[in-house]
Amino acid sequence: MRDEANRSILTEKRAQDQVELDSIPPEPANKYTYITANGYAAKVYTDEWVEWNNRYGDRKAQLADAVKAMGHIQKRYDNYTGEPATRPYLLGFDENKLGHVIMSIGNPDTADNVTTYVPGTGAKLAEIDGSIQRAEKLQSQASIVDPTHTTASIVWLGYDAPQDIMGDAMDPKFADAAKDPLSDFLTGVDTAHGGHLNSTVLGHSYGSLVAGEALRDHPGVPVDNAILVGSPGVGVNHAKDLNIPADHVWAATAKNDLINLAPPPAGPLAPLNPKAYMRLFDDHSLLYGCDPTSDDFGGKTFHVADGKFPGTDGFMPAHSQYWENESLVNMATIATGGKP
């Protein structure tokens, strides 16, 4: 029922946005002009283009992103081949603020294993295709690792994620606002399930803080395992404070992931060289608590590839490579109740 209702909302909003997008006048052909002063010519925007851009520019870009993103969601239904394990379910959708999407690959009401992936900084409706691809990869790998049980893989973009690594992501307010909705969702998945459920929450980047706060502040939330990758800290200093067994809390950060430089919250050297601070004072603190990959945290770690060097394929390529090769296999193993 949730899937059908949300698909109807998606279809309606996509049509409405397309109509509004089509109604926007085309961008003026003469975008630039030249002015001459003191013998020098300068290229400037035309008055006509400036007026158009002020009135329509931002809205056109917003609508174009939304229509494209909704198309990516619809594509999952258009390409569905009938295999029950990979059937898409749209569990939540709206265009409020940056947009929110909750989508499952596989039926979470009947699957033996359910993983809820919480994306981090930069997540929004316009970028949902990449997040859904990650959920699809995990579901596919889980079916290989554990072919005797079914796995549903959910992407939970049910919150407004920070968009700026060096700005918004330094503020816990986004996680503070998301922890209750995430807890409610995880509880709802468990309630709707018809039998025993192995539930895993997977937090990536800032999403690991959201997951950590949800577990920290809701001791009864029905979660069996936590996977924390590329984490700047999860809001606690010890795995036991997440209210599930410490040996069911798994963390990994790639060697070349720049999240390793997330500054500790205090300390004389922290603003200049976080790693030097940690070595000098034997401190494993990150921005939001103790590094979950450290021995001091008290959880479990698993191996991931080093990842690409910063700048070789974008600014932080290693930060996005956890859904590849051995890293993906290990996450799927944990999500299906195994040990990597």
C-alpha atoms as a PDB file:
ATOM      1  CA  MET A   1       0.000   0.000   0.000  1.00  0.00           C
ATOM      2  CA  ARG A   2       2.795   2.436   0.879  1.00  0.00           C
ATOM      3  CA  ASP A   3       4.515   1.660  -2.392  1.00  0.00           C
ATOM      4  CA  GLU A   4       1.383   2.238  -4.486  1.00  0.00           C
ATOM      5  CA  ALA A   5       0.508   5.475  -2.695  1.00  0.00           C
ATOM      6  CA  ASN A   6       4.012   6.894  -3.021  1.00  0.00           C
ATOM      7  CA  ARG A   7       4.265   5.888  -6.668  1.00  0.00           C
ATOM      8  CA  SER A   8       1.037   7.802  -7.309  1.00  0.00           C
ATOM      9  CA  ILE A   9       2.510  10.853  -5.580  1.00  0.00           C
ATOM     10  CA  LEU A  10       5.690  10.470  -7.636  1.00  0.00           C
ATOM     11  CA  THR A  11       3.776  10.273 -10.913  1.00  0.00           C
ATOM     12  CA  GLU A  12       1.657  13.295 -10.051  1.00  0.00           C
ATOM     13  CA  LYS A  13       4.580  15.452  -8.920  1.00  0.00           C
ATOM     14  CA  ARG A  14       6.684  14.478 -11.903  1.00  0.00           C
ATOM     15  CA  ALA A  15       3.904  15.523 -14.270  1.00  0.00           C
ATOM     16  CA  GLN A  16       3.314  18.795 -12.395  1.00  0.00           C
ATOM     17  CA  ASP A  17       7.000  19.673 -12.398  1.00  0.00           C
ATOM     18  CA  GLN A  18       7.333  18.869 -16.086  1.00  0.00           C
ATOM     19  CA  VAL A  19       4.387  21.130 -16.940  1.00  0.00           C
ATOM     20  CA  GLU A  20       5.897  23.989 -14.935  1.00  0.00           C
ATOM     21  CA  LEU A  21       9.329  23.370 -16.456  1.00  0.00           C
ATOM     22  CA  ASP A  22       7.891  23.452 -19.967  1.00  0.00           C
ATOM     23  CA  SER A  23       6.121  26.731 -19.188  1.00  0.00           C
ATOM     24  CA  ILE A  24       9.350  28.598 -18.422  1.00  0.00           C
ATOM     25  CA  PRO A  25      10.395  30.812 -21.345  1.00  0.00           C
ATOM     26  CA  PRO A  26      13.579  29.748 -23.094  1.00  0.00           C
ATOM     27  CA  GLU A  27      16.845  31.319 -22.030  1.00  0.00           C
ATOM     28  CA  PRO A  28      17.612  34.401 -24.153  1.00  0.00           C
ATOM     29  CA  ALA A  29      19.944  33.640 -27.037  1.00  0.00           C
ATOM     30  CA  ASN A  30      21.990  36.767 -26.400  1.00  0.00           C
ATOM     31  CA  LYS A  31      23.531  35.929 -23.043  1.00  0.00           C
ATOM     32  CA  TYR A  32      26.576  38.190 -23.328  1.00  0.00           C
ATOM     33  CA  THR A  33      27.413  41.607 -24.689  1.00  0.00           C
ATOM     34  CA  TYR A  34      30.539  43.746 -24.699  1.00  0.00           C
ATOM     35  CA  ILE A  35      31.092  47.167 -23.235  1.00  0.00           C
ATOM     36  CA  THR A  36      34.040  49.370 -24.017  1.00  0.00           C
ATOM     37  CA  ALA A  37      35.620  51.821 -21.615  1.00  0.00           C
ATOM     38  CA  ASN A  38      39.003  53.550 -21.756  1.00  0.00           C
ATOM     39  CA  GLY A  39      39.950  51.454 -24.741  1.00  0.00           C
ATOM     40  CA  TYR A  40      39.228  48.112 -23.029  1.00  0.00           C
ATOM     41  CA  ALA A  41      36.379  45.724 -23.907  1.00  0.00           C
ATOM     42  CA  ALA A  42      34.664  43.700 -21.197  1.00  0.00           C
ATOM     43  CA  LYS A  43      32.303  40.756 -21.638  1.00  0.00           C
ATOM     44  CA  VAL A  44      29.154  41.116 -19.488  1.00  0.00           C
ATOM     45  CA  TYR A  45      25.710  39.556 -19.237  1.00  0.00           C
ATOM     46  CA  THR A  46      22.952  41.254 -21.208  1.00  0.00           C
ATOM     47  CA  ASP A  47      20.165  42.974 -19.306  1.00  0.00           C
ATOM     48  CA  GLU A  48      17.698  40.616 -20.976  1.00  0.00           C
ATOM     49  CA  TRP A  49      19.531  37.523 -19.714  1.00  0.00           C
ATOM     50  CA  VAL A  50      19.987  38.910 -16.188  1.00  0.00           C
ATOM     51  CA  GLU A  51      16.261  39.590 -15.958  1.00  0.00           C
ATOM     52  CA  TRP A  52      15.447  36.071 -17.167  1.00  0.00           C
ATOM     53  CA  ASN A  53      17.959  34.453 -14.846  1.00  0.00           C
ATOM     54  CA  ASN A  54      16.731  36.368 -11.797  1.00  0.00           C
ATOM     55  CA  ARG A  55      13.175  35.331 -12.509  1.00  0.00           C
ATOM     56  CA  TYR A  56      13.546  31.781 -13.807  1.00  0.00           C
ATOM     57  CA  GLY A  57      17.130  30.536 -13.482  1.00  0.00           C
ATOM     58  CA  ASP A  58      17.087  28.894 -10.060  1.00  0.00           C
ATOM     59  CA  ARG A  59      13.580  27.485 -10.458  1.00  0.00           C
ATOM     60  CA  LYS A  60      14.386  25.970 -13.846  1.00  0.00           C
ATOM     61  CA  ALA A  61      17.454  24.224 -12.445  1.00  0.00           C
ATOM     62  CA  GLN A  62      15.478  22.984  -9.436  1.00  0.00           C
ATOM     63  CA  LEU A  63      12.677  21.607 -11.594  1.00  0.00           C
ATOM     64  CA  ALA A  64      15.076  20.012 -14.065  1.00  0.00           C
ATOM     65  CA  ASP A  65      16.916  18.236 -11.233  1.00  0.00           C
ATOM     66  CA  ALA A  66      13.656  17.041  -9.678  1.00  0.00           C
ATOM     67  CA  VAL A  67      12.215  15.717 -12.943  1.00  0.00           C
ATOM     68  CA  LYS A  68      15.476  13.929 -13.724  1.00  0.00           C
ATOM     69  CA  ALA A  69      15.653  12.380 -10.227  1.00  0.00           C
ATOM     70  CA  MET A  70      12.038  11.209 -10.367  1.00  0.00           C
ATOM     71  CA  GLY A  71      12.822   9.690 -13.740  1.00  0.00           C
ATOM     72  CA  HIS A  72      15.629   7.687 -12.134  1.00  0.00           C
ATOM     73  CA  ILE A  73      13.200   6.384  -9.521  1.00  0.00           C
ATOM     74  CA  GLN A  74      10.597   5.476 -12.132  1.00  0.00           C
ATOM     75  CA  LYS A  75      13.296   3.703 -14.151  1.00  0.00           C
ATOM     76  CA  ARG A  76      13.501   1.056 -11.434  1.00  0.00           C
ATOM     77  CA  TYR A  77       9.881   0.128 -12.087  1.00  0.00           C
ATOM     78  CA  ASP A  78      10.191   0.368 -15.870  1.00  0.00           C
ATOM     79  CA  ASN A  79      13.201  -1.987 -15.858  1.00  0.00           C
ATOM     80  CA  TYR A  80      11.875  -4.437 -13.263  1.00  0.00           C
ATOM     81  CA  THR A  81      12.002  -7.937 -14.721  1.00  0.00           C
ATOM     82  CA  GLY A  82       9.716  -9.732 -12.268  1.00  0.00           C
ATOM     83  CA  GLU A  83      12.327 -11.183  -9.903  1.00  0.00           C
ATOM     84  CA  PRO A  84      10.775 -10.813  -6.393  1.00  0.00           C
ATOM     85  CA  ALA A  85      14.155 -10.288  -4.699  1.00  0.00           C
ATOM     86  CA  THR A  86      14.866  -7.141  -6.708  1.00  0.00           C
ATOM     87  CA  ARG A  87      11.396  -5.612  -6.837  1.00  0.00           C
ATOM     88  CA  PRO A  88      11.562  -1.871  -6.019  1.00  0.00           C
ATOM     89  CA  TYR A  89       9.348  -0.434  -3.281  1.00  0.00           C
ATOM     90  CA  LEU A  90       8.913   3.315  -2.847  1.00  0.00           C
ATOM     91  CA  LEU A  91       8.343   3.698   0.891  1.00  0.00           C
ATOM     92  CA  GLY A  92       8.528   7.481   1.096  1.00  0.00           C
ATOM     93  CA  PHE A  93       8.735  10.456  -1.243  1.00  0.00           C
ATOM     94  CA  ASP A  94       8.348  14.231  -1.149  1.00  0.00           C
ATOM     95  CA  GLU A  95       9.917  17.340  -2.659  1.00  0.00           C
ATOM     96  CA  ASN A  96      10.103  19.336   0.570  1.00  0.00           C
ATOM     97  CA  LYS A  97      13.341  21.313   0.918  1.00  0.00           C
ATOM     98  CA  LEU A  98      16.030  19.158  -0.740  1.00  0.00           C
ATOM     99  CA  GLY A  99      13.623  16.278  -1.294  1.00  0.00           C
ATOM    100  CA  HIS A 100      13.257  12.977   0.539  1.00  0.00           C
ATOM    101  CA  VAL A 101      13.218   9.432  -0.808  1.00  0.00           C
ATOM    102  CA  ILE A 102      12.958   6.084   0.956  1.00  0.00           C
ATOM    103  CA  MET A 103      13.277   3.185  -1.452  1.00  0.00           C
ATOM    104  CA  SER A 104      13.794  -0.526  -0.931  1.00  0.00           C
ATOM    105  CA  ILE A 105      15.211  -3.099  -3.317  1.00  0.00           C
ATOM    106  CA  GLY A 106      13.335  -6.198  -2.188  1.00  0.00           C
ATOM    107  CA  ASN A 107      10.358  -6.416   0.141  1.00  0.00           C
ATOM    108  CA  PRO A 108      11.318  -5.289   3.676  1.00  0.00           C
ATOM    109  CA  ASP A 109       8.103  -6.740   5.090  1.00  0.00           C
ATOM    110  CA  THR A 110       9.106 -10.307   4.230  1.00  0.00           C
ATOM    111  CA  ALA A 111      12.898 -10.361   3.745  1.00  0.00           C
ATOM    112  CA  ASP A 112      15.085 -12.288   6.180  1.00  0.00           C
ATOM    113  CA  ASN A 113      17.673  -9.503   6.194  1.00  0.00           C
ATOM    114  CA  VAL A 114      16.936  -5.793   5.886  1.00  0.00           C
ATOM    115  CA  THR A 115      19.668  -3.165   5.586  1.00  0.00           C
ATOM    116  CA  THR A 116      18.823   0.521   5.917  1.00  0.00           C
ATOM    117  CA  TYR A 117      21.458   2.724   4.314  1.00  0.00           C
ATOM    118  CA  VAL A 118      21.662   6.338   5.532  1.00  0.00           C
ATOM    119  CA  PRO A 119      23.591   8.543   3.078  1.00  0.00           C
ATOM    120  CA  GLY A 120      25.624  11.510   4.215  1.00  0.00           C
ATOM    121  CA  THR A 121      26.811  14.936   3.102  1.00  0.00           C
ATOM    122  CA  GLY A 122      25.543  15.976  -0.308  1.00  0.00           C
ATOM    123  CA  ALA A 123      22.586  13.588  -0.358  1.00  0.00           C
ATOM    124  CA  LYS A 124      19.399  15.060  -1.852  1.00  0.00           C
ATOM    125  CA  LEU A 125      16.655  14.211  -4.318  1.00  0.00           C
ATOM    126  CA  ALA A 126      18.741  15.402  -7.262  1.00  0.00           C
ATOM    127  CA  GLU A 127      21.464  12.864  -6.398  1.00  0.00           C
ATOM    128  CA  ILE A 128      19.205   9.934  -5.482  1.00  0.00           C
ATOM    129  CA  ASP A 129      20.213   7.742  -8.420  1.00  0.00           C
ATOM    130  CA  GLY A 130      23.658   7.136  -6.946  1.00  0.00           C
ATOM    131  CA  SER A 131      22.210   6.245  -3.547  1.00  0.00           C
ATOM    132  CA  ILE A 132      19.751   3.793  -5.096  1.00  0.00           C
ATOM    133  CA  GLN A 133      22.592   2.212  -7.059  1.00  0.00           C
ATOM    134  CA  ARG A 134      24.400   1.574  -3.780  1.00  0.00           C
ATOM    135  CA  ALA A 135      21.315  -0.098  -2.326  1.00  0.00           C
ATOM    136  CA  GLU A 136      21.045  -2.245  -5.456  1.00  0.00           C
ATOM    137  CA  LYS A 137      24.690  -3.282  -5.254  1.00  0.00           C
ATOM    138  CA  LEU A 138      24.353  -4.304  -1.614  1.00  0.00           C
ATOM    139  CA  GLN A 139      21.187  -6.303  -2.292  1.00  0.00           C
ATOM    140  CA  SER A 140      22.829  -8.090  -5.223  1.00  0.00           C
ATOM    141  CA  GLN A 141      25.970  -8.919  -3.263  1.00  0.00           C
ATOM    142  CA  ALA A 142      23.946 -10.077  -0.247  1.00  0.00           C
ATOM    143  CA  SER A 143      22.083 -12.553  -2.457  1.00  0.00           C
ATOM    144  CA  ILE A 144      25.455 -13.997  -3.488  1.00  0.00           C
ATOM    145  CA  VAL A 145      26.905 -14.084   0.024  1.00  0.00           C
ATOM    146  CA  ASP A 146      23.745 -15.603   1.521  1.00  0.00           C
ATOM    147  CA  PRO A 147      21.675 -17.232  -1.245  1.00  0.00           C
ATOM    148  CA  THR A 148      19.506 -19.199   1.205  1.00  0.00           C
ATOM    149  CA  HIS A 149      17.950 -16.049   2.703  1.00  0.00           C
ATOM    150  CA  THR A 150      16.308 -12.992   1.168  1.00  0.00           C
ATOM    151  CA  THR A 151      17.681  -9.494   1.651  1.00  0.00           C
ATOM    152  CA  ALA A 152      15.967  -6.127   1.224  1.00  0.00           C
ATOM    153  CA  SER A 153      18.266  -3.138   0.803  1.00  0.00           C
ATOM    154  CA  ILE A 154      16.811   0.271   1.662  1.00  0.00           C
ATOM    155  CA  VAL A 155      18.141   3.746   0.970  1.00  0.00           C
ATOM    156  CA  TRP A 156      16.770   6.049   3.672  1.00  0.00           C
ATOM    157  CA  LEU A 157      16.987   9.681   2.627  1.00  0.00           C
ATOM    158  CA  GLY A 158      14.355  10.690   5.137  1.00  0.00           C
ATOM    159  CA  TYR A 159      16.226  13.759   6.364  1.00  0.00           C
ATOM    160  CA  ASP A 160      17.779  16.983   5.135  1.00  0.00           C
ATOM    161  CA  ALA A 161      21.450  16.142   4.810  1.00  0.00           C
ATOM    162  CA  PRO A 162      24.198  18.768   5.026  1.00  0.00           C
ATOM    163  CA  GLN A 163      25.433  19.830   1.596  1.00  0.00           C
ATOM    164  CA  ASP A 164      28.823  21.374   2.341  1.00  0.00           C
ATOM    165  CA  ILE A 165      31.717  19.281   3.685  1.00  0.00           C
ATOM    166  CA  MET A 166      33.528  22.210   5.290  1.00  0.00           C
ATOM    167  CA  GLY A 167      30.378  24.051   6.361  1.00  0.00           C
ATOM    168  CA  ASP A 168      27.100  22.331   7.209  1.00  0.00           C
ATOM    169  CA  ALA A 169      28.744  18.956   7.828  1.00  0.00           C
ATOM    170  CA  MET A 170      30.579  20.467  10.794  1.00  0.00           C
ATOM    171  CA  ASP A 171      27.235  20.956  12.560  1.00  0.00           C
ATOM    172  CA  PRO A 172      25.366  18.071  14.279  1.00  0.00           C
ATOM    173  CA  LYS A 173      21.976  19.790  13.915  1.00  0.00           C
ATOM    174  CA  PHE A 174      21.103  17.792  10.792  1.00  0.00           C
ATOM    175  CA  ALA A 175      21.666  14.521  12.645  1.00  0.00           C
ATOM    176  CA  ASP A 176      19.836  15.834  15.696  1.00  0.00           C
ATOM    177  CA  ALA A 177      16.772  16.427  13.523  1.00  0.00           C
ATOM    178  CA  ALA A 178      17.078  13.051  11.750  1.00  0.00           C
ATOM    179  CA  LYS A 179      17.611  10.644  14.646  1.00  0.00           C
ATOM    180  CA  ASP A 180      13.943  10.403  15.673  1.00  0.00           C
ATOM    181  CA  PRO A 181      12.580   9.883  12.129  1.00  0.00           C
ATOM    182  CA  LEU A 182      15.219   7.208  11.484  1.00  0.00           C
ATOM    183  CA  SER A 183      14.403   5.438  14.742  1.00  0.00           C
ATOM    184  CA  ASP A 184      10.695   5.548  13.925  1.00  0.00           C
ATOM    185  CA  PHE A 185      11.360   4.119  10.475  1.00  0.00           C
ATOM    186  CA  LEU A 186      13.505   1.259  11.776  1.00  0.00           C
ATOM    187  CA  THR A 187      10.846   0.446  14.355  1.00  0.00           C
ATOM    188  CA  GLY A 188       8.187   0.531  11.651  1.00  0.00           C
ATOM    189  CA  VAL A 189      10.132  -1.896   9.469  1.00  0.00           C
ATOM    190  CA  ASP A 190      10.368  -4.317  12.369  1.00  0.00           C
ATOM    191  CA  THR A 191       6.669  -3.935  13.226  1.00  0.00           C
ATOM    192  CA  ALA A 192       5.555  -4.506   9.633  1.00  0.00           C
ATOM    193  CA  HIS A 193       7.704  -7.592   9.282  1.00  0.00           C
ATOM    194  CA  GLY A 194       5.907 -10.905   9.522  1.00  0.00           C
ATOM    195  CA  GLY A 195       8.597 -12.870  11.342  1.00  0.00           C
ATOM    196  CA  HIS A 196      12.206 -12.874  12.506  1.00  0.00           C
ATOM    197  CA  LEU A 197      14.176  -9.995  11.043  1.00  0.00           C
ATOM    198  CA  ASN A 198      17.912  -9.420  10.929  1.00  0.00           C
ATOM    199  CA  SER A 199      18.075  -5.614  10.753  1.00  0.00           C
ATOM    200  CA  THR A 200      21.203  -3.649   9.904  1.00  0.00           C
ATOM    201  CA  VAL A 201      21.654   0.113   9.772  1.00  0.00           C
ATOM    202  CA  LEU A 202      24.415   1.272   7.434  1.00  0.00           C
ATOM    203  CA  GLY A 203      25.652   4.831   7.940  1.00  0.00           C
ATOM    204  CA  HIS A 204      28.021   6.422   5.451  1.00  0.00           C
ATOM    205  CA  SER A 205      29.924   9.629   6.178  1.00  0.00           C
ATOM    206  CA  TYR A 206      27.610  12.079   8.002  1.00  0.00           C
ATOM    207  CA  GLY A 207      24.952   9.373   7.772  1.00  0.00           C
ATOM    208  CA  SER A 208      26.943   7.378  10.323  1.00  0.00           C
ATOM    209  CA  LEU A 209      26.357  10.212  12.812  1.00  0.00           C
ATOM    210  CA  VAL A 210      22.614  10.046  12.071  1.00  0.00           C
ATOM    211  CA  ALA A 211      22.662   6.283  12.634  1.00  0.00           C
ATOM    212  CA  GLY A 212      24.766   6.651  15.781  1.00  0.00           C
ATOM    213  CA  GLU A 213      22.488   9.238  17.343  1.00  0.00           C
ATOM    214  CA  ALA A 214      19.404   7.145  16.538  1.00  0.00           C
ATOM    215  CA  LEU A 215      20.912   4.114  18.288  1.00  0.00           C
ATOM    216  CA  ARG A 216      22.312   6.179  21.154  1.00  0.00           C
ATOM    217  CA  ASP A 217      19.085   7.984  22.002  1.00  0.00           C
ATOM    218  CA  HIS A 218      16.623   5.155  21.314  1.00  0.00           C
ATOM    219  CA  PRO A 219      17.845   2.109  23.268  1.00  0.00           C
ATOM    220  CA  GLY A 220      14.887  -0.009  22.167  1.00  0.00           C
ATOM    221  CA  VAL A 221      15.250   0.509  18.433  1.00  0.00           C
ATOM    222  CA  PRO A 222      15.161  -2.967  16.809  1.00  0.00           C
ATOM    223  CA  VAL A 223      18.573  -3.097  15.115  1.00  0.00           C
ATOM    224  CA  ASP A 224      20.867  -6.120  15.166  1.00  0.00           C
ATOM    225  CA  ASN A 225      23.940  -4.718  13.420  1.00  0.00           C
ATOM    226  CA  ALA A 226      25.501  -1.365  12.635  1.00  0.00           C
ATOM    227  CA  ILE A 227      27.919  -0.693   9.771  1.00  0.00           C
ATOM    228  CA  LEU A 228      29.743   2.643   9.861  1.00  0.00           C
ATOM    229  CA  VAL A 229      31.896   3.601   6.872  1.00  0.00           C
ATOM    230  CA  GLY A 230      33.845   6.774   6.167  1.00  0.00           C
ATOM    231  CA  SER A 231      32.699   8.107   9.531  1.00  0.00           C
ATOM    232  CA  PRO A 232      33.554  11.463  11.147  1.00  0.00           C
ATOM    233  CA  GLY A 233      32.342  10.013  14.458  1.00  0.00           C
ATOM    234  CA  VAL A 234      28.983   8.654  15.519  1.00  0.00           C
ATOM    235  CA  GLY A 235      28.091  10.732  18.558  1.00  0.00           C
ATOM    236  CA  VAL A 236      29.516   8.358  21.176  1.00  0.00           C
ATOM    237  CA  ASN A 237      32.977   7.361  22.368  1.00  0.00           C
ATOM    238  CA  HIS A 238      32.313   3.653  22.841  1.00  0.00           C
ATOM    239  CA  ALA A 239      30.506   1.044  20.771  1.00  0.00           C
ATOM    240  CA  LYS A 240      28.523  -0.126  23.811  1.00  0.00           C
ATOM    241  CA  ASP A 241      26.858   3.292  23.967  1.00  0.00           C
ATOM    242  CA  LEU A 242      24.992   2.456  20.743  1.00  0.00           C
ATOM    243  CA  ASN A 243      22.822   0.046  22.741  1.00  0.00           C
ATOM    244  CA  ILE A 244      23.518  -3.045  20.654  1.00  0.00           C
ATOM    245  CA  PRO A 245      26.260  -5.607  21.372  1.00  0.00           C
ATOM    246  CA  ALA A 246      29.663  -4.057  20.701  1.00  0.00           C
ATOM    247  CA  ASP A 247      30.670  -7.015  18.538  1.00  0.00           C
ATOM    248  CA  HIS A 248      27.763  -6.169  16.213  1.00  0.00           C
ATOM    249  CA  VAL A 249      29.109  -2.640  15.590  1.00  0.00           C
ATOM    250  CA  TRP A 250      31.347  -2.704  12.514  1.00  0.00           C
ATOM    251  CA  ALA A 251      33.407   0.206  11.201  1.00  0.00           C
ATOM    252  CA  ALA A 252      35.827   0.839   8.358  1.00  0.00           C
ATOM    253  CA  THR A 253      37.502   3.834   6.756  1.00  0.00           C
ATOM    254  CA  ALA A 254      39.620   3.623   3.628  1.00  0.00           C
ATOM    255  CA  LYS A 255      43.270   4.587   3.995  1.00  0.00           C
ATOM    256  CA  ASN A 256      42.970   7.306   1.326  1.00  0.00           C
ATOM    257  CA  ASP A 257      39.624   8.658   2.494  1.00  0.00           C
ATOM    258  CA  LEU A 258      40.071  12.312   3.430  1.00  0.00           C
ATOM    259  CA  ILE A 259      37.533  11.853   6.222  1.00  0.00           C
ATOM    260  CA  ASN A 260      40.583  10.669   8.178  1.00  0.00           C
ATOM    261  CA  LEU A 261      41.457  14.345   8.499  1.00  0.00           C
ATOM    262  CA  ALA A 262      38.188  15.268  10.179  1.00  0.00           C
ATOM    263  CA  PRO A 263      39.475  17.499  12.993  1.00  0.00           C
ATOM    264  CA  PRO A 264      39.090  16.581  16.653  1.00  0.00           C
ATOM    265  CA  PRO A 265      36.739  18.912  18.525  1.00  0.00           C
ATOM    266  CA  ALA A 266      39.514  20.444  20.615  1.00  0.00           C
ATOM    267  CA  GLY A 267      43.267  20.514  21.120  1.00  0.00           C
ATOM    268  CA  PRO A 268      46.080  22.925  20.404  1.00  0.00           C
ATOM    269  CA  LEU A 269      47.252  21.217  17.185  1.00  0.00           C
ATOM    270  CA  ALA A 270      43.895  20.017  15.916  1.00  0.00           C
ATOM    271  CA  PRO A 271      43.094  22.973  13.648  1.00  0.00           C
ATOM    272  CA  LEU A 272      46.525  22.777  11.990  1.00  0.00           C
ATOM    273  CA  ASN A 273      47.251  19.070  11.720  1.00  0.00           C
ATOM    274  CA  PRO A 274      44.696  16.611  13.123  1.00  0.00           C
ATOM    275  CA  LYS A 275      46.907  13.554  12.586  1.00  0.00           C
ATOM    276  CA  ALA A 276      49.839  15.190  14.404  1.00  0.00           C
ATOM    277  CA  TYR A 277      47.518  15.979  17.301  1.00  0.00           C
ATOM    278  CA  MET A 278      46.353  12.371  17.485  1.00  0.00           C
ATOM    279  CA  ARG A 279      49.881  10.977  17.392  1.00  0.00           C
ATOM    280  CA  LEU A 280      51.199  13.395  19.997  1.00  0.00           C
ATOM    281  CA  PHE A 281      48.391  12.920  22.494  1.00  0.00           C
ATOM    282  CA  ASP A 282      47.418   9.323  21.551  1.00  0.00           C
ATOM    283  CA  ASP A 283      43.940  10.666  20.927  1.00  0.00           C
ATOM    284  CA  HIS A 284      41.478   8.893  18.630  1.00  0.00           C
ATOM    285  CA  SER A 285      38.849  11.585  18.666  1.00  0.00           C
ATOM    286  CA  LEU A 286      37.203  12.767  15.469  1.00  0.00           C
ATOM    287  CA  LEU A 287      34.702  15.544  14.932  1.00  0.00           C
ATOM    288  CA  TYR A 288      31.811  13.639  16.510  1.00  0.00           C
ATOM    289  CA  GLY A 289      33.435  11.357  19.059  1.00  0.00           C
ATOM    290  CA  CYS A 290      35.994   8.582  19.163  1.00  0.00           C
ATOM    291  CA  ASP A 291      37.076   7.156  15.814  1.00  0.00           C
ATOM    292  CA  PRO A 292      34.881   4.036  15.430  1.00  0.00           C
ATOM    293  CA  THR A 293      37.750   2.203  13.695  1.00  0.00           C
ATOM    294  CA  SER A 294      40.037   2.606  16.735  1.00  0.00           C
ATOM    295  CA  ASP A 295      40.622   0.022  19.473  1.00  0.00           C
ATOM    296  CA  ASP A 296      39.444   2.553  22.033  1.00  0.00           C
ATOM    297  CA  PHE A 297      35.977   2.567  20.480  1.00  0.00           C
ATOM    298  CA  GLY A 298      35.567  -1.103  21.282  1.00  0.00           C
ATOM    299  CA  GLY A 299      33.649  -2.281  18.242  1.00  0.00           C
ATOM    300  CA  LYS A 300      34.684  -4.441  15.320  1.00  0.00           C
ATOM    301  CA  THR A 301      36.473  -3.397  12.151  1.00  0.00           C
ATOM    302  CA  PHE A 302      36.544  -4.898   8.690  1.00  0.00           C
ATOM    303  CA  HIS A 303      38.884  -4.545   5.757  1.00  0.00           C
ATOM    304  CA  VAL A 304      38.207  -2.162   2.877  1.00  0.00           C
ATOM    305  CA  ALA A 305      40.380  -1.221  -0.066  1.00  0.00           C
ATOM    306  CA  ASP A 306      42.685   1.785   0.292  1.00  0.00           C
ATOM    307  CA  GLY A 307      40.735   3.653  -2.379  1.00  0.00           C
ATOM    308  CA  LYS A 308      41.979   6.151  -4.911  1.00  0.00           C
ATOM    309  CA  PHE A 309      44.248   9.004  -3.921  1.00  0.00           C
ATOM    310  CA  PRO A 310      42.575  12.391  -3.364  1.00  0.00           C
ATOM    311  CA  GLY A 311      42.334  14.357  -6.583  1.00  0.00           C
ATOM    312  CA  THR A 312      42.856  11.379  -8.917  1.00  0.00           C
ATOM    313  CA  ASP A 313      39.139  11.027  -9.655  1.00  0.00           C
ATOM    314  CA  GLY A 314      37.444  13.959  -7.984  1.00  0.00           C
ATOM    315  CA  PHE A 315      38.177  15.561  -4.632  1.00  0.00           C
ATOM    316  CA  MET A 316      37.539  12.559  -2.334  1.00  0.00           C
ATOM    317  CA  PRO A 317      37.225   9.441  -4.519  1.00  0.00           C
ATOM    318  CA  ALA A 318      38.022   6.948  -1.741  1.00  0.00           C
ATOM    319  CA  HIS A 319      35.122   8.310   0.293  1.00  0.00           C
ATOM    320  CA  SER A 320      32.691   6.910  -2.279  1.00  0.00           C
ATOM    321  CA  GLN A 321      34.320   3.523  -2.966  1.00  0.00           C
ATOM    322  CA  TYR A 322      32.866   1.424  -0.148  1.00  0.00           C
ATOM    323  CA  TRP A 323      30.348  -0.176  -2.524  1.00  0.00           C
ATOM    324  CA  GLU A 324      33.090  -1.832  -4.577  1.00  0.00           C
ATOM    325  CA  ASN A 325      34.933  -5.171  -4.554  1.00  0.00           C
ATOM    326  CA  GLU A 326      36.062  -6.520  -1.166  1.00  0.00           C
ATOM    327  CA  SER A 327      34.512  -3.604   0.728  1.00  0.00           C
ATOM    328  CA  LEU A 328      31.082  -4.431  -0.696  1.00  0.00           C
ATOM    329  CA  VAL A 329      31.491  -8.157  -0.029  1.00  0.00           C
ATOM    330  CA  ASN A 330      32.367  -7.495   3.611  1.00  0.00           C
ATOM    331  CA  MET A 331      29.401  -5.162   4.130  1.00  0.00           C
ATOM    332  CA  ALA A 332      27.056  -7.724   2.552  1.00  0.00           C
ATOM    333  CA  THR A 333      28.505 -10.413   4.808  1.00  0.00           C
ATOM    334  CA  ILE A 334      27.790  -8.337   7.920  1.00  0.00           C
ATOM    335  CA  ALA A 335      24.318  -7.399   6.661  1.00  0.00           C
ATOM    336  CA  THR A 336      23.419 -11.075   6.301  1.00  0.00           C
ATOM    337  CA  GLY A 337      24.559 -11.919   9.826  1.00  0.00           C
ATOM    338  CA  GLY A 338      28.069 -13.115   9.037  1.00  0.00           C
ATOM    339  CA  LYS A 339      31.577 -12.050   9.968  1.00  0.00           C
ATOM    340  CA  PRO A 340      33.936 -10.714   7.300  1.00  0.00           C
END
